[in-house]
mmCIF file of all heavy atoms, coordinates in Angstrom:
data_MODEL
# 
_entry.id   MODEL 
# 
loop_
_atom_site.group_PDB 
_atom_site.id 
_atom_site.type_symbol 
_atom_site.label_atom_id 
_atom_site.label_alt_id 
_atom_site.label_comp_id 
_atom_site.label_asym_id 
_atom_site.label_entity_id 
_atom_site.label_seq_id 
_atom_site.pdbx_PDB_ins_code 
_atom_site.Cartn_x 
_atom_site.Cartn_y 
_atom_site.Cartn_z 
_atom_site.occupancy 
_atom_site.B_iso_or_equiv 
_atom_site.pdbx_formal_charge 
_atom_site.auth_seq_id 
_atom_site.auth_comp_id 
_atom_site.auth_asym_id 
_atom_site.auth_atom_id 
_atom_site.pdbx_PDB_model_num 
ATOM 1   N N   . SER A 1 1  ? 10.527  15.928 -2.885  1.00 0.00 ? 1  SER A N   1 
ATOM 2   C CA  . SER A 1 1  ? 11.537  14.892 -3.225  1.00 0.00 ? 1  SER A CA  1 
ATOM 3   C C   . SER A 1 1  ? 11.028  13.545 -3.390  1.00 0.00 ? 1  SER A C   1 
ATOM 4   O O   . SER A 1 1  ? 11.373  12.861 -4.310  1.00 0.00 ? 1  SER A O   1 
ATOM 5   C CB  . SER A 1 1  ? 12.704  14.922 -2.216  1.00 0.00 ? 1  SER A CB  1 
ATOM 6   O OG  . SER A 1 1  ? 13.306  16.166 -2.108  1.00 0.00 ? 1  SER A OG  1 
ATOM 7   N N   . ALA A 1 2  ? 10.149  13.144 -2.502  1.00 0.00 ? 2  ALA A N   1 
ATOM 8   C CA  . ALA A 1 2  ? 9.528   11.777 -2.475  1.00 0.00 ? 2  ALA A CA  1 
ATOM 9   C C   . ALA A 1 2  ? 8.710   11.648 -3.770  1.00 0.00 ? 2  ALA A C   1 
ATOM 10  O O   . ALA A 1 2  ? 8.734   10.567 -4.423  1.00 0.00 ? 2  ALA A O   1 
ATOM 11  C CB  . ALA A 1 2  ? 8.745   11.548 -1.246  1.00 0.00 ? 2  ALA A CB  1 
ATOM 12  N N   . TYR A 1 3  ? 8.009   12.642 -4.122  1.00 0.00 ? 3  TYR A N   1 
ATOM 13  C CA  . TYR A 1 3  ? 7.131   12.584 -5.317  1.00 0.00 ? 3  TYR A CA  1 
ATOM 14  C C   . TYR A 1 3  ? 7.928   12.462 -6.531  1.00 0.00 ? 3  TYR A C   1 
ATOM 15  O O   . TYR A 1 3  ? 7.669   11.727 -7.512  1.00 0.00 ? 3  TYR A O   1 
ATOM 16  C CB  . TYR A 1 3  ? 6.141   13.735 -5.392  1.00 0.00 ? 3  TYR A CB  1 
ATOM 17  C CG  . TYR A 1 3  ? 5.164   13.768 -6.443  1.00 0.00 ? 3  TYR A CG  1 
ATOM 18  C CD1 . TYR A 1 3  ? 4.078   12.877 -6.554  1.00 0.00 ? 3  TYR A CD1 1 
ATOM 19  C CD2 . TYR A 1 3  ? 5.397   14.682 -7.576  1.00 0.00 ? 3  TYR A CD2 1 
ATOM 20  C CE1 . TYR A 1 3  ? 3.281   12.825 -7.655  1.00 0.00 ? 3  TYR A CE1 1 
ATOM 21  C CE2 . TYR A 1 3  ? 4.483   14.661 -8.640  1.00 0.00 ? 3  TYR A CE2 1 
ATOM 22  C CZ  . TYR A 1 3  ? 3.465   13.675 -8.714  1.00 0.00 ? 3  TYR A CZ  1 
ATOM 23  O OH  . TYR A 1 3  ? 2.591   13.680 -9.796  1.00 0.00 ? 3  TYR A OH  1 
ATOM 24  N N   . ALA A 1 4  ? 8.886   13.308 -6.589  1.00 0.00 ? 4  ALA A N   1 
ATOM 25  C CA  . ALA A 1 4  ? 9.789   13.368 -7.805  1.00 0.00 ? 4  ALA A CA  1 
ATOM 26  C C   . ALA A 1 4  ? 10.557  12.028 -8.044  1.00 0.00 ? 4  ALA A C   1 
ATOM 27  O O   . ALA A 1 4  ? 10.765  11.608 -9.151  1.00 0.00 ? 4  ALA A O   1 
ATOM 28  C CB  . ALA A 1 4  ? 10.833  14.509 -7.656  1.00 0.00 ? 4  ALA A CB  1 
ATOM 29  N N   . GLY A 1 5  ? 10.759  11.292 -6.951  1.00 0.00 ? 5  GLY A N   1 
ATOM 30  C CA  . GLY A 1 5  ? 11.469  10.010 -7.051  1.00 0.00 ? 5  GLY A CA  1 
ATOM 31  C C   . GLY A 1 5  ? 10.576  8.849  -7.054  1.00 0.00 ? 5  GLY A C   1 
ATOM 32  O O   . GLY A 1 5  ? 11.149  7.699  -7.015  1.00 0.00 ? 5  GLY A O   1 
ATOM 33  N N   . SER A 1 6  ? 9.276   9.015  -7.207  1.00 0.00 ? 6  SER A N   1 
ATOM 34  C CA  . SER A 1 6  ? 8.314   7.967  -7.189  1.00 0.00 ? 6  SER A CA  1 
ATOM 35  C C   . SER A 1 6  ? 8.454   7.073  -8.462  1.00 0.00 ? 6  SER A C   1 
ATOM 36  O O   . SER A 1 6  ? 8.613   7.622  -9.498  1.00 0.00 ? 6  SER A O   1 
ATOM 37  C CB  . SER A 1 6  ? 6.899   8.478  -7.021  1.00 0.00 ? 6  SER A CB  1 
ATOM 38  O OG  . SER A 1 6  ? 6.694   9.068  -5.724  1.00 0.00 ? 6  SER A OG  1 
ATOM 39  N N   . PHE A 1 7  ? 8.173   5.816  -8.319  1.00 0.00 ? 7  PHE A N   1 
ATOM 40  C CA  . PHE A 1 7  ? 8.033   4.926  -9.397  1.00 0.00 ? 7  PHE A CA  1 
ATOM 41  C C   . PHE A 1 7  ? 6.859   5.257  -10.266 1.00 0.00 ? 7  PHE A C   1 
ATOM 42  O O   . PHE A 1 7  ? 6.925   5.290  -11.448 1.00 0.00 ? 7  PHE A O   1 
ATOM 43  C CB  . PHE A 1 7  ? 7.920   3.484  -8.967  1.00 0.00 ? 7  PHE A CB  1 
ATOM 44  C CG  . PHE A 1 7  ? 7.751   2.458  -10.061 1.00 0.00 ? 7  PHE A CG  1 
ATOM 45  C CD1 . PHE A 1 7  ? 8.685   2.050  -10.906 1.00 0.00 ? 7  PHE A CD1 1 
ATOM 46  C CD2 . PHE A 1 7  ? 6.403   1.935  -10.195 1.00 0.00 ? 7  PHE A CD2 1 
ATOM 47  C CE1 . PHE A 1 7  ? 8.468   1.172  -11.921 1.00 0.00 ? 7  PHE A CE1 1 
ATOM 48  C CE2 . PHE A 1 7  ? 6.199   1.038  -11.260 1.00 0.00 ? 7  PHE A CE2 1 
ATOM 49  C CZ  . PHE A 1 7  ? 7.143   0.610  -12.084 1.00 0.00 ? 7  PHE A CZ  1 
ATOM 50  N N   . ALA A 1 8  ? 5.721   5.534  -9.713  1.00 0.00 ? 8  ALA A N   1 
ATOM 51  C CA  . ALA A 1 8  ? 4.398   5.948  -10.362 1.00 0.00 ? 8  ALA A CA  1 
ATOM 52  C C   . ALA A 1 8  ? 3.983   7.209  -9.754  1.00 0.00 ? 8  ALA A C   1 
ATOM 53  O O   . ALA A 1 8  ? 3.957   7.380  -8.564  1.00 0.00 ? 8  ALA A O   1 
ATOM 54  C CB  . ALA A 1 8  ? 3.422   4.759  -10.286 1.00 0.00 ? 8  ALA A CB  1 
ATOM 55  N N   . GLN A 1 9  ? 3.549   8.159  -10.724 1.00 0.00 ? 9  GLN A N   1 
ATOM 56  C CA  . GLN A 1 9  ? 3.007   9.351  -10.283 1.00 0.00 ? 9  GLN A CA  1 
ATOM 57  C C   . GLN A 1 9  ? 1.669   9.624  -10.892 1.00 0.00 ? 9  GLN A C   1 
ATOM 58  O O   . GLN A 1 9  ? 1.451   9.328  -12.108 1.00 0.00 ? 9  GLN A O   1 
ATOM 59  C CB  . GLN A 1 9  ? 3.942   10.528 -10.698 1.00 0.00 ? 9  GLN A CB  1 
ATOM 60  C CG  . GLN A 1 9  ? 5.366   10.443 -10.076 1.00 0.00 ? 9  GLN A CG  1 
ATOM 61  C CD  . GLN A 1 9  ? 6.281   11.477 -10.715 1.00 0.00 ? 9  GLN A CD  1 
ATOM 62  O OE1 . GLN A 1 9  ? 5.955   12.093 -11.775 1.00 0.00 ? 9  GLN A OE1 1 
ATOM 63  N NE2 . GLN A 1 9  ? 7.405   11.768 -9.976  1.00 0.00 ? 9  GLN A NE2 1 
ATOM 64  N N   . VAL A 1 10 ? 0.797   10.191 -10.103 1.00 0.00 ? 10 VAL A N   1 
ATOM 65  C CA  . VAL A 1 10 ? -0.558  10.688 -10.614 1.00 0.00 ? 10 VAL A CA  1 
ATOM 66  C C   . VAL A 1 10 ? -0.791  12.046 -10.085 1.00 0.00 ? 10 VAL A C   1 
ATOM 67  O O   . VAL A 1 10 ? -0.682  12.281 -8.860  1.00 0.00 ? 10 VAL A O   1 
ATOM 68  C CB  . VAL A 1 10 ? -1.687  9.663  -10.193 1.00 0.00 ? 10 VAL A CB  1 
ATOM 69  C CG1 . VAL A 1 10 ? -3.052  10.277 -10.516 1.00 0.00 ? 10 VAL A CG1 1 
ATOM 70  C CG2 . VAL A 1 10 ? -1.479  8.354  -10.814 1.00 0.00 ? 10 VAL A CG2 1 
ATOM 71  N N   . SER A 1 11 ? -1.187  12.956 -10.904 1.00 0.00 ? 11 SER A N   1 
ATOM 72  C CA  . SER A 1 11 ? -1.652  14.306 -10.596 1.00 0.00 ? 11 SER A CA  1 
ATOM 73  C C   . SER A 1 11 ? -2.902  14.607 -11.285 1.00 0.00 ? 11 SER A C   1 
ATOM 74  O O   . SER A 1 11 ? -3.094  14.217 -12.494 1.00 0.00 ? 11 SER A O   1 
ATOM 75  C CB  . SER A 1 11 ? -0.484  15.333 -10.835 1.00 0.00 ? 11 SER A CB  1 
ATOM 76  O OG  . SER A 1 11 ? -0.310  15.475 -12.145 1.00 0.00 ? 11 SER A OG  1 
ATOM 77  N N   . ALA A 1 12 ? -3.767  15.398 -10.636 1.00 0.00 ? 12 ALA A N   1 
ATOM 78  C CA  . ALA A 1 12 ? -5.107  15.664 -11.304 1.00 0.00 ? 12 ALA A CA  1 
ATOM 79  C C   . ALA A 1 12 ? -5.760  16.793 -10.590 1.00 0.00 ? 12 ALA A C   1 
ATOM 80  O O   . ALA A 1 12 ? -5.490  17.166 -9.484  1.00 0.00 ? 12 ALA A O   1 
ATOM 81  C CB  . ALA A 1 12 ? -6.014  14.440 -11.292 1.00 0.00 ? 12 ALA A CB  1 
ATOM 82  N N   . GLU A 1 13 ? -6.661  17.426 -11.295 1.00 0.00 ? 13 GLU A N   1 
ATOM 83  C CA  . GLU A 1 13 ? -7.547  18.524 -10.823 1.00 0.00 ? 13 GLU A CA  1 
ATOM 84  C C   . GLU A 1 13 ? -9.010  18.049 -10.684 1.00 0.00 ? 13 GLU A C   1 
ATOM 85  O O   . GLU A 1 13 ? -9.436  17.344 -11.651 1.00 0.00 ? 13 GLU A O   1 
ATOM 86  C CB  . GLU A 1 13 ? -7.407  19.776 -11.685 1.00 0.00 ? 13 GLU A CB  1 
ATOM 87  C CG  . GLU A 1 13 ? -8.255  20.981 -11.166 1.00 0.00 ? 13 GLU A CG  1 
ATOM 88  C CD  . GLU A 1 13 ? -8.160  22.141 -12.051 1.00 0.00 ? 13 GLU A CD  1 
ATOM 89  O OE1 . GLU A 1 13 ? -8.753  22.121 -13.091 1.00 0.00 ? 13 GLU A OE1 1 
ATOM 90  O OE2 . GLU A 1 13 ? -7.506  23.135 -11.606 1.00 0.00 ? 13 GLU A OE2 1 
ATOM 91  N N   . TYR A 1 14 ? -9.696  18.372 -9.695  1.00 0.00 ? 14 TYR A N   1 
ATOM 92  C CA  . TYR A 1 14 ? -11.041 17.995 -9.440  1.00 0.00 ? 14 TYR A CA  1 
ATOM 93  C C   . TYR A 1 14 ? -11.895 19.197 -9.100  1.00 0.00 ? 14 TYR A C   1 
ATOM 94  O O   . TYR A 1 14 ? -11.459 20.113 -8.318  1.00 0.00 ? 14 TYR A O   1 
ATOM 95  C CB  . TYR A 1 14 ? -11.089 16.923 -8.260  1.00 0.00 ? 14 TYR A CB  1 
ATOM 96  C CG  . TYR A 1 14 ? -10.386 15.754 -8.578  1.00 0.00 ? 14 TYR A CG  1 
ATOM 97  C CD1 . TYR A 1 14 ? -9.039  15.630 -8.216  1.00 0.00 ? 14 TYR A CD1 1 
ATOM 98  C CD2 . TYR A 1 14 ? -11.010 14.615 -9.164  1.00 0.00 ? 14 TYR A CD2 1 
ATOM 99  C CE1 . TYR A 1 14 ? -8.254  14.514 -8.561  1.00 0.00 ? 14 TYR A CE1 1 
ATOM 100 C CE2 . TYR A 1 14 ? -10.302 13.491 -9.422  1.00 0.00 ? 14 TYR A CE2 1 
ATOM 101 C CZ  . TYR A 1 14 ? -8.922  13.409 -9.140  1.00 0.00 ? 14 TYR A CZ  1 
ATOM 102 O OH  . TYR A 1 14 ? -8.245  12.289 -9.384  1.00 0.00 ? 14 TYR A OH  1 
ATOM 103 N N   . LEU A 1 15 ? -13.077 19.343 -9.716  1.00 0.00 ? 15 LEU A N   1 
ATOM 104 C CA  . LEU A 1 15 ? -13.938 20.445 -9.446  1.00 0.00 ? 15 LEU A CA  1 
ATOM 105 C C   . LEU A 1 15 ? -15.376 19.967 -9.212  1.00 0.00 ? 15 LEU A C   1 
ATOM 106 O O   . LEU A 1 15 ? -15.854 18.987 -9.777  1.00 0.00 ? 15 LEU A O   1 
ATOM 107 C CB  . LEU A 1 15 ? -13.924 21.329 -10.791 1.00 0.00 ? 15 LEU A CB  1 
ATOM 108 C CG  . LEU A 1 15 ? -12.606 21.873 -11.239 1.00 0.00 ? 15 LEU A CG  1 
ATOM 109 C CD1 . LEU A 1 15 ? -12.142 21.027 -12.306 1.00 0.00 ? 15 LEU A CD1 1 
ATOM 110 C CD2 . LEU A 1 15 ? -12.873 23.319 -11.723 1.00 0.00 ? 15 LEU A CD2 1 
ATOM 111 N N   . HIS A 1 16 ? -16.022 20.709 -8.405  1.00 0.00 ? 16 HIS A N   1 
ATOM 112 C CA  . HIS A 1 16 ? -17.546 20.593 -8.243  1.00 0.00 ? 16 HIS A CA  1 
ATOM 113 C C   . HIS A 1 16 ? -17.994 21.976 -7.955  1.00 0.00 ? 16 HIS A C   1 
ATOM 114 O O   . HIS A 1 16 ? -17.360 22.830 -7.286  1.00 0.00 ? 16 HIS A O   1 
ATOM 115 C CB  . HIS A 1 16 ? -17.972 19.593 -7.183  1.00 0.00 ? 16 HIS A CB  1 
ATOM 116 C CG  . HIS A 1 16 ? -17.922 20.098 -5.751  1.00 0.00 ? 16 HIS A CG  1 
ATOM 117 N ND1 . HIS A 1 16 ? -18.843 20.931 -5.284  1.00 0.00 ? 16 HIS A ND1 1 
ATOM 118 C CD2 . HIS A 1 16 ? -17.045 19.662 -4.742  1.00 0.00 ? 16 HIS A CD2 1 
ATOM 119 C CE1 . HIS A 1 16 ? -18.539 21.124 -3.949  1.00 0.00 ? 16 HIS A CE1 1 
ATOM 120 N NE2 . HIS A 1 16 ? -17.520 20.407 -3.635  1.00 0.00 ? 16 HIS A NE2 1 
ATOM 121 N N   . GLY A 1 17 ? -19.214 22.218 -8.526  1.00 0.00 ? 17 GLY A N   1 
ATOM 122 C CA  . GLY A 1 17 ? -19.858 23.522 -8.329  1.00 0.00 ? 17 GLY A CA  1 
ATOM 123 C C   . GLY A 1 17 ? -20.672 23.678 -7.023  1.00 0.00 ? 17 GLY A C   1 
ATOM 124 O O   . GLY A 1 17 ? -20.550 22.843 -6.095  1.00 0.00 ? 17 GLY A O   1 
ATOM 125 N N   . THR A 1 18 ? -21.501 24.718 -7.003  1.00 0.00 ? 18 THR A N   1 
ATOM 126 C CA  . THR A 1 18 ? -22.440 24.961 -5.889  1.00 0.00 ? 18 THR A CA  1 
ATOM 127 C C   . THR A 1 18 ? -23.521 23.921 -5.882  1.00 0.00 ? 18 THR A C   1 
ATOM 128 O O   . THR A 1 18 ? -24.092 23.501 -6.878  1.00 0.00 ? 18 THR A O   1 
ATOM 129 C CB  . THR A 1 18 ? -22.998 26.326 -6.017  1.00 0.00 ? 18 THR A CB  1 
ATOM 130 O OG1 . THR A 1 18 ? -21.904 27.336 -6.122  1.00 0.00 ? 18 THR A OG1 1 
ATOM 131 C CG2 . THR A 1 18 ? -23.827 26.700 -4.778  1.00 0.00 ? 18 THR A CG2 1 
ATOM 132 N N   . GLU A 1 19 ? -23.893 23.511 -4.644  1.00 0.00 ? 19 GLU A N   1 
ATOM 133 C CA  . GLU A 1 19 ? -25.017 22.708 -4.435  1.00 0.00 ? 19 GLU A CA  1 
ATOM 134 C C   . GLU A 1 19 ? -25.907 23.263 -3.319  1.00 0.00 ? 19 GLU A C   1 
ATOM 135 O O   . GLU A 1 19 ? -25.326 23.740 -2.358  1.00 0.00 ? 19 GLU A O   1 
ATOM 136 C CB  . GLU A 1 19 ? -24.634 21.207 -4.096  1.00 0.00 ? 19 GLU A CB  1 
ATOM 137 C CG  . GLU A 1 19 ? -23.760 20.527 -5.161  1.00 0.00 ? 19 GLU A CG  1 
ATOM 138 C CD  . GLU A 1 19 ? -23.131 19.201 -4.604  1.00 0.00 ? 19 GLU A CD  1 
ATOM 139 O OE1 . GLU A 1 19 ? -23.537 18.759 -3.505  1.00 0.00 ? 19 GLU A OE1 1 
ATOM 140 O OE2 . GLU A 1 19 ? -22.231 18.723 -5.277  1.00 0.00 ? 19 GLU A OE2 1 
ATOM 141 N N   . HIS A 1 20 ? -27.193 23.146 -3.401  1.00 0.00 ? 20 HIS A N   1 
ATOM 142 C CA  . HIS A 1 20 ? -28.077 23.620 -2.369  1.00 0.00 ? 20 HIS A CA  1 
ATOM 143 C C   . HIS A 1 20 ? -28.904 22.414 -1.754  1.00 0.00 ? 20 HIS A C   1 
ATOM 144 O O   . HIS A 1 20 ? -29.173 21.453 -2.432  1.00 0.00 ? 20 HIS A O   1 
ATOM 145 C CB  . HIS A 1 20 ? -29.091 24.627 -2.901  1.00 0.00 ? 20 HIS A CB  1 
ATOM 146 C CG  . HIS A 1 20 ? -28.511 25.973 -2.978  1.00 0.00 ? 20 HIS A CG  1 
ATOM 147 N ND1 . HIS A 1 20 ? -27.686 26.391 -3.980  1.00 0.00 ? 20 HIS A ND1 1 
ATOM 148 C CD2 . HIS A 1 20 ? -28.540 27.090 -2.063  1.00 0.00 ? 20 HIS A CD2 1 
ATOM 149 C CE1 . HIS A 1 20 ? -27.309 27.735 -3.769  1.00 0.00 ? 20 HIS A CE1 1 
ATOM 150 N NE2 . HIS A 1 20 ? -27.783 28.082 -2.647  1.00 0.00 ? 20 HIS A NE2 1 
ATOM 151 N N   . HIS A 1 21 ? -29.185 22.552 -0.472  1.00 0.00 ? 21 HIS A N   1 
ATOM 152 C CA  . HIS A 1 21 ? -29.736 21.447 0.308   1.00 0.00 ? 21 HIS A CA  1 
ATOM 153 C C   . HIS A 1 21 ? -31.161 20.989 -0.166  1.00 0.00 ? 21 HIS A C   1 
ATOM 154 O O   . HIS A 1 21 ? -31.351 19.816 -0.171  1.00 0.00 ? 21 HIS A O   1 
ATOM 155 C CB  . HIS A 1 21 ? -29.924 21.859 1.769   1.00 0.00 ? 21 HIS A CB  1 
ATOM 156 C CG  . HIS A 1 21 ? -28.605 22.357 2.406   1.00 0.00 ? 21 HIS A CG  1 
ATOM 157 N ND1 . HIS A 1 21 ? -28.012 23.495 2.100   1.00 0.00 ? 21 HIS A ND1 1 
ATOM 158 C CD2 . HIS A 1 21 ? -27.837 21.761 3.382   1.00 0.00 ? 21 HIS A CD2 1 
ATOM 159 C CE1 . HIS A 1 21 ? -26.930 23.666 2.850   1.00 0.00 ? 21 HIS A CE1 1 
ATOM 160 N NE2 . HIS A 1 21 ? -26.779 22.588 3.651   1.00 0.00 ? 21 HIS A NE2 1 
ATOM 161 N N   . ASN A 1 22 ? -31.977 21.835 -0.390  1.00 0.00 ? 22 ASN A N   1 
ATOM 162 C CA  . ASN A 1 22 ? -33.312 21.579 -0.973  1.00 0.00 ? 22 ASN A CA  1 
ATOM 163 C C   . ASN A 1 22 ? -34.025 20.470 -0.220  1.00 0.00 ? 22 ASN A C   1 
ATOM 164 O O   . ASN A 1 22 ? -34.523 19.483 -0.839  1.00 0.00 ? 22 ASN A O   1 
ATOM 165 C CB  . ASN A 1 22 ? -33.190 21.241 -2.448  1.00 0.00 ? 22 ASN A CB  1 
ATOM 166 C CG  . ASN A 1 22 ? -33.222 22.519 -3.292  1.00 0.00 ? 22 ASN A CG  1 
ATOM 167 O OD1 . ASN A 1 22 ? -34.113 23.409 -3.130  1.00 0.00 ? 22 ASN A OD1 1 
ATOM 168 N ND2 . ASN A 1 22 ? -32.314 22.588 -4.125  1.00 0.00 ? 22 ASN A ND2 1 
ATOM 169 N N   . PRO A 1 23 ? -34.205 20.554 1.107   1.00 0.00 ? 23 PRO A N   1 
ATOM 170 C CA  . PRO A 1 23 ? -35.165 19.570 1.737   1.00 0.00 ? 23 PRO A CA  1 
ATOM 171 C C   . PRO A 1 23 ? -36.625 19.800 1.283   1.00 0.00 ? 23 PRO A C   1 
ATOM 172 O O   . PRO A 1 23 ? -36.911 20.796 0.756   1.00 0.00 ? 23 PRO A O   1 
ATOM 173 C CB  . PRO A 1 23 ? -35.008 19.957 3.217   1.00 0.00 ? 23 PRO A CB  1 
ATOM 174 C CG  . PRO A 1 23 ? -34.702 21.392 3.232   1.00 0.00 ? 23 PRO A CG  1 
ATOM 175 C CD  . PRO A 1 23 ? -33.742 21.597 2.017   1.00 0.00 ? 23 PRO A CD  1 
ATOM 176 N N   . LEU A 1 24 ? -37.398 18.736 1.445   1.00 0.00 ? 24 LEU A N   1 
ATOM 177 C CA  . LEU A 1 24 ? -38.736 18.831 0.922   1.00 0.00 ? 24 LEU A CA  1 
ATOM 178 C C   . LEU A 1 24 ? -39.488 19.945 1.740   1.00 0.00 ? 24 LEU A C   1 
ATOM 179 O O   . LEU A 1 24 ? -40.303 20.711 1.112   1.00 0.00 ? 24 LEU A O   1 
ATOM 180 C CB  . LEU A 1 24 ? -39.508 17.431 1.278   1.00 0.00 ? 24 LEU A CB  1 
ATOM 181 C CG  . LEU A 1 24 ? -40.855 17.381 0.716   1.00 0.00 ? 24 LEU A CG  1 
ATOM 182 C CD1 . LEU A 1 24 ? -40.940 17.530 -0.846  1.00 0.00 ? 24 LEU A CD1 1 
ATOM 183 C CD2 . LEU A 1 24 ? -41.542 15.949 1.101   1.00 0.00 ? 24 LEU A CD2 1 
ATOM 184 N N   . GLU A 1 25 ? -39.412 20.010 3.013   1.00 0.00 ? 25 GLU A N   1 
ATOM 185 C CA  . GLU A 1 25 ? -40.037 20.992 3.800   1.00 0.00 ? 25 GLU A CA  1 
ATOM 186 C C   . GLU A 1 25 ? -39.440 22.358 3.651   1.00 0.00 ? 25 GLU A C   1 
ATOM 187 O O   . GLU A 1 25 ? -38.194 22.563 3.817   1.00 0.00 ? 25 GLU A O   1 
ATOM 188 C CB  . GLU A 1 25 ? -40.075 20.651 5.347   1.00 0.00 ? 25 GLU A CB  1 
ATOM 189 C CG  . GLU A 1 25 ? -40.843 21.675 6.196   1.00 0.00 ? 25 GLU A CG  1 
ATOM 190 C CD  . GLU A 1 25 ? -40.501 21.534 7.626   1.00 0.00 ? 25 GLU A CD  1 
ATOM 191 O OE1 . GLU A 1 25 ? -39.569 20.774 8.076   1.00 0.00 ? 25 GLU A OE1 1 
ATOM 192 O OE2 . GLU A 1 25 ? -41.189 22.160 8.489   1.00 0.00 ? 25 GLU A OE2 1 
ATOM 193 N N   . LEU A 1 26 ? -40.238 23.363 3.349   1.00 0.00 ? 26 LEU A N   1 
ATOM 194 C CA  . LEU A 1 26 ? -39.713 24.786 3.164   1.00 0.00 ? 26 LEU A CA  1 
ATOM 195 C C   . LEU A 1 26 ? -39.364 25.312 4.559   1.00 0.00 ? 26 LEU A C   1 
ATOM 196 O O   . LEU A 1 26 ? -40.096 24.881 5.576   1.00 0.00 ? 26 LEU A O   1 
ATOM 197 C CB  . LEU A 1 26 ? -40.699 25.639 2.504   1.00 0.00 ? 26 LEU A CB  1 
ATOM 198 C CG  . LEU A 1 26 ? -41.103 25.228 1.066   1.00 0.00 ? 26 LEU A CG  1 
ATOM 199 C CD1 . LEU A 1 26 ? -42.260 26.016 0.542   1.00 0.00 ? 26 LEU A CD1 1 
ATOM 200 C CD2 . LEU A 1 26 ? -39.880 25.396 0.132   1.00 0.00 ? 26 LEU A CD2 1 
ATOM 201 N N   . PHE A 1 27 ? -38.486 26.220 4.599   1.00 0.00 ? 27 PHE A N   1 
ATOM 202 C CA  . PHE A 1 27 ? -38.182 26.906 5.965   1.00 0.00 ? 27 PHE A CA  1 
ATOM 203 C C   . PHE A 1 27 ? -39.366 27.719 6.370   1.00 0.00 ? 27 PHE A C   1 
ATOM 204 O O   . PHE A 1 27 ? -39.813 28.573 5.629   1.00 0.00 ? 27 PHE A O   1 
ATOM 205 C CB  . PHE A 1 27 ? -36.907 27.633 5.882   1.00 0.00 ? 27 PHE A CB  1 
ATOM 206 C CG  . PHE A 1 27 ? -35.708 26.794 6.274   1.00 0.00 ? 27 PHE A CG  1 
ATOM 207 C CD1 . PHE A 1 27 ? -35.062 26.045 5.358   1.00 0.00 ? 27 PHE A CD1 1 
ATOM 208 C CD2 . PHE A 1 27 ? -35.264 26.863 7.614   1.00 0.00 ? 27 PHE A CD2 1 
ATOM 209 C CE1 . PHE A 1 27 ? -33.971 25.183 5.658   1.00 0.00 ? 27 PHE A CE1 1 
ATOM 210 C CE2 . PHE A 1 27 ? -34.196 26.032 7.935   1.00 0.00 ? 27 PHE A CE2 1 
ATOM 211 C CZ  . PHE A 1 27 ? -33.531 25.270 7.002   1.00 0.00 ? 27 PHE A CZ  1 
# 
């Protein structure tokens, strides 16, 4: 209800893919 009655509204989708740690030293 509060969102529907807001003076200004913003909606969006955000994505990020897989990331790996990759430290310099190997395990």
